[in-house]
N, C-alpha and C. Protein backbone atom coordinates (compact mmCIF):
# COMPACT_ATOMS: atom_id res chain seq x y z
N MET A 1 -78.26 -34.37 -22.58
CA MET A 1 -77.82 -35.55 -21.71
C MET A 1 -76.27 -35.18 -21.16
N PRO A 2 -76.27 -35.38 -20.14
CA PRO A 2 -74.69 -35.07 -19.54
C PRO A 2 -73.26 -35.76 -20.13
N ARG A 3 -72.38 -35.08 -20.21
CA ARG A 3 -71.20 -35.64 -20.55
C ARG A 3 -70.35 -36.04 -19.61
N TYR A 4 -69.67 -36.96 -19.69
CA TYR A 4 -68.84 -37.67 -18.83
C TYR A 4 -67.42 -37.93 -19.42
N CYS A 5 -66.20 -38.24 -18.36
CA CYS A 5 -65.06 -38.92 -18.88
C CYS A 5 -64.88 -39.96 -18.05
N ALA A 6 -64.55 -41.00 -18.61
CA ALA A 6 -64.12 -42.15 -17.59
C ALA A 6 -62.57 -42.24 -17.56
N PHE A 7 -61.72 -42.18 -16.74
CA PHE A 7 -60.27 -42.35 -16.88
C PHE A 7 -60.14 -43.85 -16.17
N PHE A 8 -59.78 -44.76 -17.27
CA PHE A 8 -59.55 -46.14 -16.74
C PHE A 8 -58.35 -46.09 -16.03
N ALA A 9 -57.98 -46.97 -15.11
CA ALA A 9 -56.93 -47.21 -14.65
C ALA A 9 -56.08 -48.39 -15.25
N SER A 10 -54.87 -48.67 -15.23
CA SER A 10 -54.15 -49.76 -15.39
C SER A 10 -54.72 -50.30 -16.78
N MET A 11 -54.90 -49.24 -18.03
CA MET A 11 -55.10 -49.79 -19.19
C MET A 11 -54.01 -49.20 -20.34
N ASN A 12 -53.88 -50.51 -20.96
CA ASN A 12 -52.99 -50.37 -22.00
C ASN A 12 -51.69 -49.96 -21.25
N VAL A 13 -51.49 -50.72 -20.23
CA VAL A 13 -50.11 -50.89 -19.59
C VAL A 13 -49.92 -52.17 -18.80
N GLY A 14 -48.78 -52.68 -18.88
CA GLY A 14 -48.47 -53.98 -18.55
C GLY A 14 -49.23 -55.23 -19.51
N GLY A 15 -49.98 -55.99 -18.87
CA GLY A 15 -50.73 -57.06 -19.70
C GLY A 15 -52.04 -56.52 -20.07
N ASN A 16 -52.50 -55.55 -19.61
CA ASN A 16 -53.91 -55.05 -20.04
C ASN A 16 -54.13 -54.18 -20.98
N ARG A 17 -53.81 -54.66 -22.33
CA ARG A 17 -53.87 -53.91 -23.60
C ARG A 17 -55.37 -54.53 -24.22
N LEU A 18 -55.83 -53.27 -24.75
CA LEU A 18 -56.92 -53.24 -25.30
C LEU A 18 -57.20 -52.10 -26.05
N ALA A 19 -58.00 -52.54 -27.39
CA ALA A 19 -57.72 -51.77 -28.48
C ALA A 19 -58.92 -50.62 -28.22
N MET A 20 -58.78 -49.36 -28.18
CA MET A 20 -59.85 -48.32 -28.00
C MET A 20 -61.13 -48.69 -28.76
N ALA A 21 -60.81 -48.91 -30.00
CA ALA A 21 -62.22 -49.20 -30.83
C ALA A 21 -63.00 -50.29 -30.33
N ASP A 22 -62.29 -51.54 -29.65
CA ASP A 22 -63.26 -52.54 -29.08
C ASP A 22 -63.77 -51.99 -27.63
N LEU A 23 -63.08 -50.91 -27.03
CA LEU A 23 -63.84 -50.39 -25.92
C LEU A 23 -64.86 -49.78 -26.19
N ARG A 24 -64.93 -49.04 -27.30
CA ARG A 24 -65.92 -48.09 -27.82
C ARG A 24 -67.03 -48.83 -28.14
N HIS A 25 -66.66 -49.98 -28.68
CA HIS A 25 -67.92 -50.66 -29.51
C HIS A 25 -68.67 -51.25 -28.23
N VAL A 26 -67.93 -51.98 -27.35
CA VAL A 26 -68.63 -52.43 -26.17
C VAL A 26 -69.48 -51.33 -25.38
N LEU A 27 -69.01 -50.37 -25.16
CA LEU A 27 -69.78 -49.10 -24.33
C LEU A 27 -70.81 -48.83 -25.19
N GLU A 28 -70.74 -48.55 -26.29
CA GLU A 28 -71.99 -48.32 -27.13
C GLU A 28 -72.98 -49.23 -27.31
N ARG A 29 -72.98 -50.30 -27.24
CA ARG A 29 -73.78 -51.58 -26.83
C ARG A 29 -74.39 -51.44 -25.53
N GLU A 30 -73.84 -50.94 -24.58
CA GLU A 30 -74.44 -50.61 -23.54
C GLU A 30 -74.95 -49.37 -23.25
N GLU A 31 -75.49 -48.65 -24.14
CA GLU A 31 -76.39 -47.85 -24.09
C GLU A 31 -75.68 -46.33 -23.51
N LEU A 32 -74.35 -46.25 -23.77
CA LEU A 32 -73.71 -44.93 -23.72
C LEU A 32 -73.83 -44.46 -25.06
N GLU A 33 -73.73 -43.13 -24.94
CA GLU A 33 -74.04 -42.08 -26.31
C GLU A 33 -72.93 -41.43 -26.43
N ASP A 34 -72.72 -41.20 -27.77
CA ASP A 34 -71.50 -40.30 -28.31
C ASP A 34 -70.11 -40.58 -27.67
N VAL A 35 -69.87 -41.99 -27.76
CA VAL A 35 -68.57 -42.63 -27.08
C VAL A 35 -67.46 -42.13 -28.01
N GLU A 36 -66.38 -41.59 -27.30
CA GLU A 36 -65.39 -41.12 -28.10
C GLU A 36 -64.16 -41.49 -26.98
N THR A 37 -62.91 -42.10 -27.63
CA THR A 37 -61.88 -42.20 -26.85
C THR A 37 -60.78 -41.12 -26.96
N VAL A 38 -60.05 -40.71 -26.11
CA VAL A 38 -58.82 -39.67 -26.51
C VAL A 38 -57.61 -40.45 -25.68
N VAL A 39 -56.63 -40.40 -26.76
CA VAL A 39 -55.37 -40.93 -26.37
C VAL A 39 -55.72 -42.51 -26.45
N ALA A 40 -54.73 -43.35 -26.30
CA ALA A 40 -54.84 -44.96 -26.12
C ALA A 40 -54.70 -45.24 -24.74
N SER A 41 -55.27 -44.31 -23.80
CA SER A 41 -54.57 -44.85 -22.44
C SER A 41 -55.71 -44.66 -21.42
N GLY A 42 -56.82 -45.27 -21.98
CA GLY A 42 -58.02 -45.37 -21.29
C GLY A 42 -59.01 -44.12 -20.71
N ASN A 43 -59.00 -43.20 -21.81
CA ASN A 43 -59.81 -41.82 -21.44
C ASN A 43 -61.24 -42.19 -22.34
N VAL A 44 -62.21 -42.14 -21.69
CA VAL A 44 -63.55 -42.34 -22.89
C VAL A 44 -64.60 -41.35 -22.29
N LEU A 45 -64.63 -40.32 -23.24
CA LEU A 45 -65.63 -39.68 -23.32
C LEU A 45 -67.00 -40.13 -23.66
N PHE A 46 -68.22 -39.80 -22.90
CA PHE A 46 -69.57 -40.49 -23.14
C PHE A 46 -70.72 -39.46 -22.65
N SER A 47 -71.74 -39.98 -23.32
CA SER A 47 -73.05 -38.91 -22.64
C SER A 47 -73.89 -40.29 -22.55
N PHE A 48 -74.66 -39.70 -20.92
CA PHE A 48 -75.50 -40.86 -20.16
C PHE A 48 -76.46 -40.00 -19.35
N ASP A 49 -77.57 -40.72 -18.90
CA ASP A 49 -78.47 -40.24 -18.13
C ASP A 49 -77.63 -39.37 -16.87
N ASP A 50 -78.31 -38.48 -16.58
CA ASP A 50 -77.83 -37.64 -15.08
C ASP A 50 -77.88 -38.79 -13.98
N ARG A 51 -76.44 -38.85 -13.35
CA ARG A 51 -76.56 -39.85 -12.45
C ARG A 51 -75.46 -39.39 -11.62
N PRO A 52 -75.28 -39.99 -10.29
CA PRO A 52 -73.98 -39.73 -9.53
C PRO A 52 -72.73 -40.71 -10.37
N THR A 53 -71.44 -39.95 -10.44
CA THR A 53 -70.40 -40.57 -11.06
C THR A 53 -69.87 -41.77 -10.43
N GLU A 54 -70.15 -42.10 -8.99
CA GLU A 54 -69.53 -43.24 -8.41
C GLU A 54 -70.34 -44.56 -8.93
N GLY A 55 -71.54 -44.17 -9.55
CA GLY A 55 -72.34 -45.34 -10.12
C GLY A 55 -72.03 -45.85 -11.15
N LEU A 56 -71.78 -44.79 -11.97
CA LEU A 56 -70.94 -44.98 -13.35
C LEU A 56 -69.74 -45.85 -13.20
N SER A 57 -68.85 -45.40 -12.39
CA SER A 57 -67.53 -45.85 -12.09
C SER A 57 -67.48 -47.42 -12.09
N GLU A 58 -68.42 -47.84 -11.30
CA GLU A 58 -69.08 -49.24 -10.95
C GLU A 58 -69.18 -50.07 -12.03
N MET A 59 -70.12 -49.28 -12.82
CA MET A 59 -70.56 -50.05 -14.04
C MET A 59 -69.82 -50.37 -15.11
N LEU A 60 -68.80 -49.20 -15.42
CA LEU A 60 -67.92 -49.12 -16.41
C LEU A 60 -66.82 -50.33 -16.03
N ALA A 61 -66.28 -50.21 -14.72
CA ALA A 61 -65.18 -51.42 -14.40
C ALA A 61 -65.83 -53.10 -14.17
N TYR A 62 -67.16 -52.96 -14.10
CA TYR A 62 -67.81 -54.20 -14.17
C TYR A 62 -67.97 -54.67 -15.84
N ILE A 63 -68.18 -53.61 -16.74
CA ILE A 63 -68.32 -54.07 -18.17
C ILE A 63 -66.77 -54.64 -18.53
N VAL A 64 -65.73 -53.86 -18.25
CA VAL A 64 -64.65 -54.28 -18.66
C VAL A 64 -63.99 -55.72 -18.08
N LYS A 65 -64.61 -55.60 -16.90
CA LYS A 65 -64.17 -57.40 -16.36
C LYS A 65 -64.84 -58.28 -17.27
N ASP A 66 -66.02 -58.26 -17.37
CA ASP A 66 -66.72 -58.90 -17.81
C ASP A 66 -66.74 -59.12 -19.36
N ARG A 67 -66.19 -57.94 -20.00
CA ARG A 67 -65.92 -58.34 -21.57
C ARG A 67 -64.54 -58.60 -21.99
N PHE A 68 -63.88 -57.92 -21.13
CA PHE A 68 -62.28 -58.24 -21.49
C PHE A 68 -61.55 -59.16 -20.33
N GLY A 69 -61.96 -59.34 -19.34
CA GLY A 69 -61.48 -60.34 -18.17
C GLY A 69 -60.30 -59.60 -17.50
N PHE A 70 -60.17 -58.27 -17.51
CA PHE A 70 -59.21 -57.68 -16.42
C PHE A 70 -59.80 -56.69 -15.43
N ASP A 71 -59.45 -56.67 -14.22
CA ASP A 71 -59.71 -55.97 -13.36
C ASP A 71 -59.37 -54.32 -13.63
N THR A 72 -59.93 -53.43 -13.46
CA THR A 72 -59.57 -52.06 -13.39
C THR A 72 -60.56 -51.16 -12.87
N PHE A 73 -60.20 -49.96 -12.69
CA PHE A 73 -61.71 -49.11 -12.06
C PHE A 73 -61.35 -47.83 -12.94
N ALA A 74 -62.74 -47.39 -12.96
CA ALA A 74 -62.84 -46.11 -14.11
C ALA A 74 -63.48 -45.01 -13.16
N ALA A 75 -62.36 -43.82 -12.89
CA ALA A 75 -62.77 -42.68 -12.21
C ALA A 75 -63.55 -41.96 -13.33
N VAL A 76 -64.77 -41.68 -12.92
CA VAL A 76 -65.84 -41.34 -13.85
C VAL A 76 -66.16 -39.85 -13.39
N ARG A 77 -65.63 -38.61 -14.03
CA ARG A 77 -66.27 -37.20 -13.70
C ARG A 77 -66.97 -36.63 -14.82
N SER A 78 -67.81 -35.89 -14.24
CA SER A 78 -68.79 -34.86 -15.22
C SER A 78 -67.60 -33.73 -15.99
N ILE A 79 -67.88 -33.05 -16.80
CA ILE A 79 -67.37 -32.01 -17.41
C ILE A 79 -67.01 -30.90 -16.19
N ASP A 80 -67.67 -30.67 -15.43
CA ASP A 80 -67.67 -29.65 -14.46
C ASP A 80 -66.66 -30.21 -13.33
N GLU A 81 -66.65 -31.58 -13.11
CA GLU A 81 -65.84 -32.08 -12.36
C GLU A 81 -64.22 -32.25 -13.13
N VAL A 82 -64.15 -32.37 -14.22
CA VAL A 82 -62.64 -32.31 -14.86
C VAL A 82 -62.13 -30.92 -14.88
N ARG A 83 -63.16 -29.86 -15.33
CA ARG A 83 -62.75 -28.31 -15.10
C ARG A 83 -62.19 -28.05 -13.73
N ALA A 84 -62.79 -28.59 -12.60
CA ALA A 84 -62.40 -28.29 -11.42
C ALA A 84 -61.09 -28.88 -11.04
N ALA A 85 -60.77 -30.06 -11.65
CA ALA A 85 -59.64 -30.82 -11.39
C ALA A 85 -58.58 -29.84 -12.15
N ILE A 86 -58.88 -29.27 -13.03
CA ILE A 86 -57.74 -28.33 -13.57
C ILE A 86 -57.47 -27.24 -12.91
N GLU A 87 -58.61 -26.60 -12.86
CA GLU A 87 -58.58 -25.07 -12.32
C GLU A 87 -58.04 -25.13 -10.73
N GLY A 88 -58.37 -26.65 -10.13
CA GLY A 88 -58.31 -26.72 -8.60
C GLY A 88 -56.68 -27.13 -8.24
N ASN A 89 -56.00 -27.32 -9.38
CA ASN A 89 -54.67 -28.07 -8.88
C ASN A 89 -53.66 -26.78 -8.72
N PRO A 90 -53.40 -26.76 -7.43
CA PRO A 90 -52.36 -25.47 -7.04
C PRO A 90 -50.94 -25.64 -7.68
N PHE A 91 -50.92 -26.74 -8.60
CA PHE A 91 -49.44 -26.55 -9.22
C PHE A 91 -49.37 -26.17 -10.71
N SER A 92 -50.61 -26.00 -11.28
CA SER A 92 -50.51 -25.62 -12.81
C SER A 92 -50.34 -24.40 -12.99
N ALA A 93 -50.25 -23.48 -12.16
CA ALA A 93 -49.92 -22.19 -12.38
C ALA A 93 -48.35 -21.83 -12.60
N ASP A 94 -47.45 -22.70 -11.87
CA ASP A 94 -46.16 -22.58 -12.12
C ASP A 94 -45.27 -23.93 -12.55
N GLY A 95 -46.11 -25.09 -12.58
CA GLY A 95 -45.67 -26.15 -13.06
C GLY A 95 -46.08 -26.58 -14.71
N GLN A 96 -44.99 -27.22 -15.28
CA GLN A 96 -45.22 -27.82 -16.52
C GLN A 96 -46.34 -28.90 -16.67
N ASP A 97 -47.36 -28.41 -17.82
CA ASP A 97 -48.09 -29.40 -18.09
C ASP A 97 -48.05 -30.57 -18.04
N ASN A 98 -47.11 -31.08 -18.63
CA ASN A 98 -46.56 -32.36 -18.64
C ASN A 98 -46.33 -33.33 -17.27
N LEU A 99 -45.87 -32.34 -16.45
CA LEU A 99 -45.35 -33.06 -15.23
C LEU A 99 -46.55 -32.88 -14.09
N VAL A 100 -47.37 -31.86 -14.20
CA VAL A 100 -48.45 -31.45 -13.30
C VAL A 100 -49.61 -32.55 -13.44
N HIS A 101 -50.06 -33.24 -12.43
CA HIS A 101 -51.15 -34.49 -12.48
C HIS A 101 -52.04 -34.43 -11.68
N THR A 102 -53.20 -34.65 -12.00
CA THR A 102 -54.42 -34.90 -11.01
C THR A 102 -54.42 -36.46 -11.15
N LEU A 103 -54.44 -37.29 -9.84
CA LEU A 103 -54.83 -38.54 -9.66
C LEU A 103 -56.00 -38.65 -9.00
N PHE A 104 -56.76 -39.25 -10.04
CA PHE A 104 -58.35 -39.43 -9.51
C PHE A 104 -58.28 -40.57 -8.66
N ALA A 105 -59.31 -40.53 -7.74
CA ALA A 105 -59.12 -41.60 -6.78
C ALA A 105 -60.63 -42.39 -7.08
N SER A 106 -60.49 -43.44 -6.54
CA SER A 106 -61.61 -44.53 -6.87
C SER A 106 -62.53 -44.31 -5.59
N GLY A 107 -62.39 -43.48 -4.47
CA GLY A 107 -63.35 -43.21 -3.46
C GLY A 107 -63.00 -41.69 -2.69
N PRO A 108 -63.71 -41.57 -1.76
CA PRO A 108 -63.12 -40.26 -0.99
C PRO A 108 -61.77 -40.29 -0.39
N VAL A 109 -61.28 -39.14 -0.46
CA VAL A 109 -59.99 -38.94 -0.19
C VAL A 109 -59.98 -37.99 1.33
N SER A 110 -59.59 -38.73 2.44
CA SER A 110 -59.72 -38.08 3.74
C SER A 110 -58.60 -37.13 3.81
N PRO A 111 -58.43 -36.00 4.49
CA PRO A 111 -57.43 -35.10 4.76
C PRO A 111 -56.42 -35.85 5.40
N ALA A 112 -56.86 -36.79 6.39
CA ALA A 112 -55.68 -37.49 7.34
C ALA A 112 -55.16 -38.23 6.27
N ASN A 113 -55.49 -38.90 5.29
CA ASN A 113 -54.82 -39.82 4.55
C ASN A 113 -53.84 -39.09 3.74
N VAL A 114 -54.49 -37.76 3.02
CA VAL A 114 -53.32 -36.99 2.20
C VAL A 114 -52.17 -36.66 3.09
N GLU A 115 -52.49 -36.07 4.33
CA GLU A 115 -51.18 -35.82 5.41
C GLU A 115 -50.75 -37.04 5.24
N ARG A 116 -50.81 -38.13 5.52
CA ARG A 116 -50.06 -39.40 5.85
C ARG A 116 -49.14 -39.48 4.33
N VAL A 117 -49.55 -39.57 3.16
CA VAL A 117 -48.72 -39.42 1.93
C VAL A 117 -47.76 -38.38 2.02
N ILE A 118 -48.04 -37.27 2.51
CA ILE A 118 -47.27 -36.08 2.42
C ILE A 118 -46.04 -36.55 3.44
N ALA A 119 -46.38 -36.58 4.52
CA ALA A 119 -45.57 -37.13 5.78
C ALA A 119 -44.56 -38.22 5.35
N ASP A 120 -45.13 -39.33 4.82
CA ASP A 120 -44.19 -40.30 4.41
C ASP A 120 -43.57 -40.25 3.36
N TYR A 121 -43.73 -39.36 2.33
CA TYR A 121 -43.03 -39.04 1.45
C TYR A 121 -41.72 -37.79 1.53
N THR A 122 -42.10 -37.04 2.65
CA THR A 122 -40.94 -35.94 3.02
C THR A 122 -39.47 -36.37 2.93
N GLY A 123 -38.78 -35.80 2.01
CA GLY A 123 -37.51 -36.03 1.96
C GLY A 123 -36.90 -37.19 0.95
N ARG A 124 -37.80 -37.57 0.27
CA ARG A 124 -37.71 -38.77 -0.80
C ARG A 124 -37.53 -38.10 -2.17
N GLY A 125 -38.22 -36.75 -2.18
CA GLY A 125 -37.98 -36.41 -3.57
C GLY A 125 -38.73 -34.99 -3.59
N ALA A 126 -38.45 -34.22 -5.04
CA ALA A 126 -39.08 -32.90 -5.08
C ALA A 126 -40.41 -32.72 -5.20
N GLU A 127 -41.14 -33.74 -5.52
CA GLU A 127 -42.60 -33.77 -5.77
C GLU A 127 -43.45 -32.78 -4.88
N ARG A 128 -44.37 -32.01 -5.07
CA ARG A 128 -45.38 -31.37 -4.76
C ARG A 128 -46.64 -31.77 -4.58
N ILE A 129 -47.21 -32.16 -3.56
CA ILE A 129 -48.47 -32.90 -3.29
C ILE A 129 -49.60 -32.18 -2.37
N ALA A 130 -50.65 -31.94 -3.23
CA ALA A 130 -51.80 -31.39 -2.22
C ALA A 130 -53.25 -32.18 -2.83
N ALA A 131 -54.21 -31.95 -1.71
CA ALA A 131 -55.46 -32.78 -1.69
C ALA A 131 -56.17 -31.86 -2.92
N GLY A 132 -57.45 -32.76 -3.67
CA GLY A 132 -58.15 -32.41 -4.51
C GLY A 132 -59.44 -33.00 -4.17
N GLU A 133 -60.36 -32.96 -4.88
CA GLU A 133 -61.60 -33.27 -4.46
C GLU A 133 -61.81 -34.79 -5.18
N ARG A 134 -62.03 -35.66 -4.41
CA ARG A 134 -61.79 -36.98 -4.77
C ARG A 134 -60.70 -37.36 -5.80
N SER A 135 -59.33 -36.64 -5.21
CA SER A 135 -58.18 -36.65 -6.03
C SER A 135 -56.89 -36.27 -5.11
N LEU A 136 -56.11 -36.41 -5.95
CA LEU A 136 -54.54 -36.12 -5.24
C LEU A 136 -53.99 -35.16 -6.60
N HIS A 137 -53.46 -33.81 -6.05
CA HIS A 137 -52.86 -33.05 -7.28
C HIS A 137 -51.22 -33.64 -6.79
N VAL A 138 -50.50 -33.68 -7.81
CA VAL A 138 -48.96 -33.79 -8.05
C VAL A 138 -48.17 -33.04 -8.96
N ASP A 139 -47.29 -32.45 -8.41
CA ASP A 139 -46.21 -32.04 -9.53
C ASP A 139 -44.84 -32.90 -9.37
N TYR A 140 -44.66 -33.76 -10.32
CA TYR A 140 -43.58 -34.57 -10.39
C TYR A 140 -42.47 -33.40 -11.07
N VAL A 141 -41.86 -32.76 -10.47
CA VAL A 141 -41.03 -31.56 -10.69
C VAL A 141 -39.67 -32.16 -11.77
N SER A 142 -39.37 -33.28 -11.52
CA SER A 142 -38.20 -33.94 -12.16
C SER A 142 -38.75 -35.02 -13.45
N GLY A 143 -39.75 -35.19 -13.42
CA GLY A 143 -40.23 -36.13 -14.24
C GLY A 143 -41.10 -37.58 -13.58
N VAL A 144 -42.10 -37.83 -14.09
CA VAL A 144 -42.68 -39.26 -13.59
C VAL A 144 -41.95 -40.62 -13.14
N GLY A 145 -41.49 -40.77 -14.47
CA GLY A 145 -40.45 -41.90 -14.62
C GLY A 145 -39.67 -42.31 -13.68
N GLY A 146 -38.86 -41.74 -13.10
CA GLY A 146 -38.05 -41.61 -12.05
C GLY A 146 -38.41 -41.49 -10.56
N SER A 147 -39.41 -41.07 -10.64
CA SER A 147 -40.24 -40.74 -9.27
C SER A 147 -40.22 -41.89 -8.15
N ARG A 148 -40.05 -41.91 -7.23
CA ARG A 148 -40.43 -42.78 -5.90
C ARG A 148 -41.88 -42.30 -5.56
N LEU A 149 -42.60 -41.41 -6.07
CA LEU A 149 -44.17 -41.32 -5.66
C LEU A 149 -44.76 -42.09 -6.69
N THR A 150 -45.00 -43.32 -6.17
CA THR A 150 -45.69 -44.22 -6.99
C THR A 150 -47.06 -44.51 -6.94
N GLY A 151 -47.89 -45.05 -7.64
CA GLY A 151 -49.11 -45.28 -7.44
C GLY A 151 -49.56 -46.25 -6.19
N PRO A 152 -48.42 -47.30 -6.20
CA PRO A 152 -48.81 -48.05 -5.09
C PRO A 152 -48.61 -47.36 -3.83
N PHE A 153 -47.27 -46.47 -3.56
CA PHE A 153 -46.92 -45.87 -2.58
C PHE A 153 -48.43 -44.96 -2.00
N ILE A 154 -48.91 -44.17 -3.19
CA ILE A 154 -49.95 -43.44 -2.67
C ILE A 154 -51.44 -44.16 -2.28
N GLU A 155 -51.50 -45.24 -2.96
CA GLU A 155 -52.76 -46.03 -2.94
C GLU A 155 -52.88 -46.67 -1.44
N ARG A 156 -51.59 -47.18 -1.26
CA ARG A 156 -51.39 -47.67 0.50
C ARG A 156 -51.91 -46.75 1.27
N ARG A 157 -51.40 -45.42 1.14
CA ARG A 157 -51.59 -44.63 2.03
C ARG A 157 -53.14 -43.91 2.03
N LEU A 158 -53.47 -43.62 1.08
CA LEU A 158 -54.69 -43.31 0.80
C LEU A 158 -56.01 -44.06 1.09
N GLY A 159 -55.65 -45.41 0.89
CA GLY A 159 -56.68 -46.52 1.06
C GLY A 159 -57.71 -46.59 -0.09
N CYS A 160 -57.37 -46.25 -1.56
CA CYS A 160 -58.15 -46.10 -2.27
C CYS A 160 -57.26 -46.21 -3.60
N SER A 161 -57.54 -46.88 -4.91
CA SER A 161 -56.86 -46.82 -6.20
C SER A 161 -56.88 -45.31 -6.43
N VAL A 162 -55.89 -45.18 -7.63
CA VAL A 162 -55.72 -43.93 -8.20
C VAL A 162 -55.36 -44.12 -9.61
N THR A 163 -55.77 -43.31 -10.25
CA THR A 163 -55.07 -43.05 -11.98
C THR A 163 -55.11 -41.86 -12.25
N GLY A 164 -53.87 -41.45 -12.74
CA GLY A 164 -53.57 -39.83 -13.11
C GLY A 164 -53.41 -39.48 -14.78
N ARG A 165 -53.74 -38.29 -14.61
CA ARG A 165 -53.54 -37.65 -16.14
C ARG A 165 -52.80 -36.36 -15.84
N ASN A 166 -51.88 -35.91 -16.68
CA ASN A 166 -51.44 -34.62 -16.46
C ASN A 166 -52.22 -33.89 -17.04
N MET A 167 -51.96 -32.32 -16.77
CA MET A 167 -52.84 -31.34 -17.12
C MET A 167 -52.76 -31.25 -18.87
N GLN A 168 -51.82 -31.73 -19.51
CA GLN A 168 -51.65 -31.30 -21.03
C GLN A 168 -53.06 -32.31 -21.22
N SER A 169 -53.18 -33.56 -20.90
CA SER A 169 -54.32 -34.37 -21.48
C SER A 169 -55.62 -33.92 -20.68
N LEU A 170 -55.49 -33.38 -19.43
CA LEU A 170 -56.92 -33.15 -19.05
C LEU A 170 -57.33 -32.02 -19.85
N LYS A 171 -56.51 -31.15 -20.25
CA LYS A 171 -57.18 -29.84 -20.90
C LYS A 171 -57.56 -30.16 -22.15
N ARG A 172 -56.88 -31.42 -22.86
CA ARG A 172 -57.51 -31.67 -24.17
C ARG A 172 -58.58 -32.35 -24.00
N ILE A 173 -58.79 -33.16 -22.98
CA ILE A 173 -60.02 -33.95 -22.51
C ILE A 173 -61.32 -33.08 -22.62
N LEU A 174 -60.82 -31.88 -21.61
CA LEU A 174 -62.03 -30.82 -21.49
C LEU A 174 -62.40 -30.32 -22.64
N ASP A 175 -61.73 -29.97 -23.59
CA ASP A 175 -61.80 -29.22 -24.94
C ASP A 175 -62.73 -30.23 -25.76
N LYS A 176 -62.49 -31.43 -25.93
CA LYS A 176 -63.14 -32.53 -26.35
C LYS A 176 -64.61 -32.56 -25.87
N MET A 177 -64.80 -32.71 -24.46
CA MET A 177 -65.89 -32.54 -23.77
C MET A 177 -66.85 -31.27 -23.89
N ALA A 178 -66.40 -30.29 -24.30
CA ALA A 178 -67.29 -29.24 -24.59
C ALA A 178 -67.31 -29.05 -25.93
């Protein structure tokens, strides 16, 4: 049975607090197998029938809304897609693992919209930005906390939601998936 990771957005930040044990319990009752959480920020590993990850994303977002009452999206990726997000990140070779991120998108990422993010951000900060597969790669050179390259800024220009993970977390998740 294929192994997946759901990267939930906006979980355990702001008012969307959720115990990972509660989330695991609910997902196990929905017939997901081998459910495991990694860090308390909405990373859920699971096994499920082979299917397109987009359908799984919708299913998981619905479950969280139905059971816990808050809106989120889950960027679901297969083990191969997680590996590709790490290997395809052009900044991982010379950036710091805690500052280099992959922002997983809730939908397709068009090259024109990525160019819009880059053009609109030019001159605002030192961050480096590149397109990925259903994602955006960002090197937050000086740190994420003080960056002006925020989720809302990116989402308005991409036309979809994003949830980011740094290389350190992605490598840990990939190790656990394998």
